[in-house]
Amino acid sequence: MVSPLKSQEIRQLRRRFEDTRAAKADRPVRTLPRIRSVSVDLSPGATPPILRTLPGETSTVVFLDAAGAPWPLGAAPRVSRPNQVASAEWIDGSPSVVVTMLSPYEEANLTAFLVGLATPVVIKLVAGEPDAKTRTREVDYRLDLRVPGHSPWAQAAVPGVAKIGLYDDTMQAFLDGLPPNDAVRLKPRGEVPPRTDVWQYAGALFVRTDRDIQTAFDNTLAASDGTRVYRLAPTPYVTLSDAGRSLTFQLDLP
C-alpha cells in the first residue's frame, strides 16, 4: 500500500515465481509409465524378475498363478535395506504389494511369501543406472508376476498346464498388445465384444480378449485385469462367452 507495484512489475514477479516453481519440479529423469506381466521361473539357476522404478513413484506388484487367478501373500514381504533404499506396503491377505524406492541409482530386493507355496518369490528392485545418460526411464507402475502353480483363490476350472503358455514369449507379446511386426491384424465381423482383437501369425490365430473362449484353443495366457490371449488353429468362426451368453464372430482369413 505504501509503494504499490506497477502492472509490469507484477507480471515480472509472477513470471519469476513460476520459473522458481518449474525449477523446483524439474526432474533430471522423466518416467515412462508401463504395465507389464512376467512369468516367474522358480527353478535353481533362474534369473529373478526385475521391478523398474524411481524415487517419487510407486509401483504395484500383483501376484498371479499360472492361470491368472490372484495369489495372496501369507506374510508381509521383506525388503533388503528397508527405510534406506526401498519400502514395501502390503494389505494383509491381498495379492498386491506397493513398492517405493527411497534413493536413486540404488538396488535392493524384495522377498514375498505366497500362501501354500514353499518357495519364496524374490524380486530385484532397481532405481536407475548410474551411467545412463538418457532423460527418460521406463517405470513399472504395475507388474503382474505369474507364478507356476495354482492359487488357493482359484475357483473356476482352469486349463491344464500344457495349455498355459507360461514362458512363451510370443504369447506374452500378444498379451502386452505388442504383437510381432509380421503379425496380420484381422477385422472380425459379427458379435465382437469390446476389448477383443485378433491376429494371424505363424499359422495360428491369436485372440486377445477379456472374455472366456468356447472355441478349442492350444494355449492361453492371462493378466491380472482379466485380459487373456488365446492361440488356436485357423478357423473362420470364433465363439466367446459373455456372462453365459455365446458370442460368435466371423473372420476373413487370407
Foldseek 3Di string as FASTA:
>chain_A
DVDDDDPVVVVVVVVVVVVVVVVVPDDQAAEDEDAAEAEADLDPPDDAAEAEAAAPAKAKEFEAELQQHGWWFQDDKDKPPPPPFKHWDDDPGGRMIIIHGDDAQDKIKIWTHTPPDPGIHIYIYGHDHPPDDDRYDYGYNYYYYYYYDHHPRDDDDGDDPQQEPRPDVQQRCVQSVNHDPPWAWWDKDFQDDPQWTWTDDPQKIKIWDLFAWDDDFRHKGAHNVSIMITIHGDDQKTWTADPNDITIIGTDDD
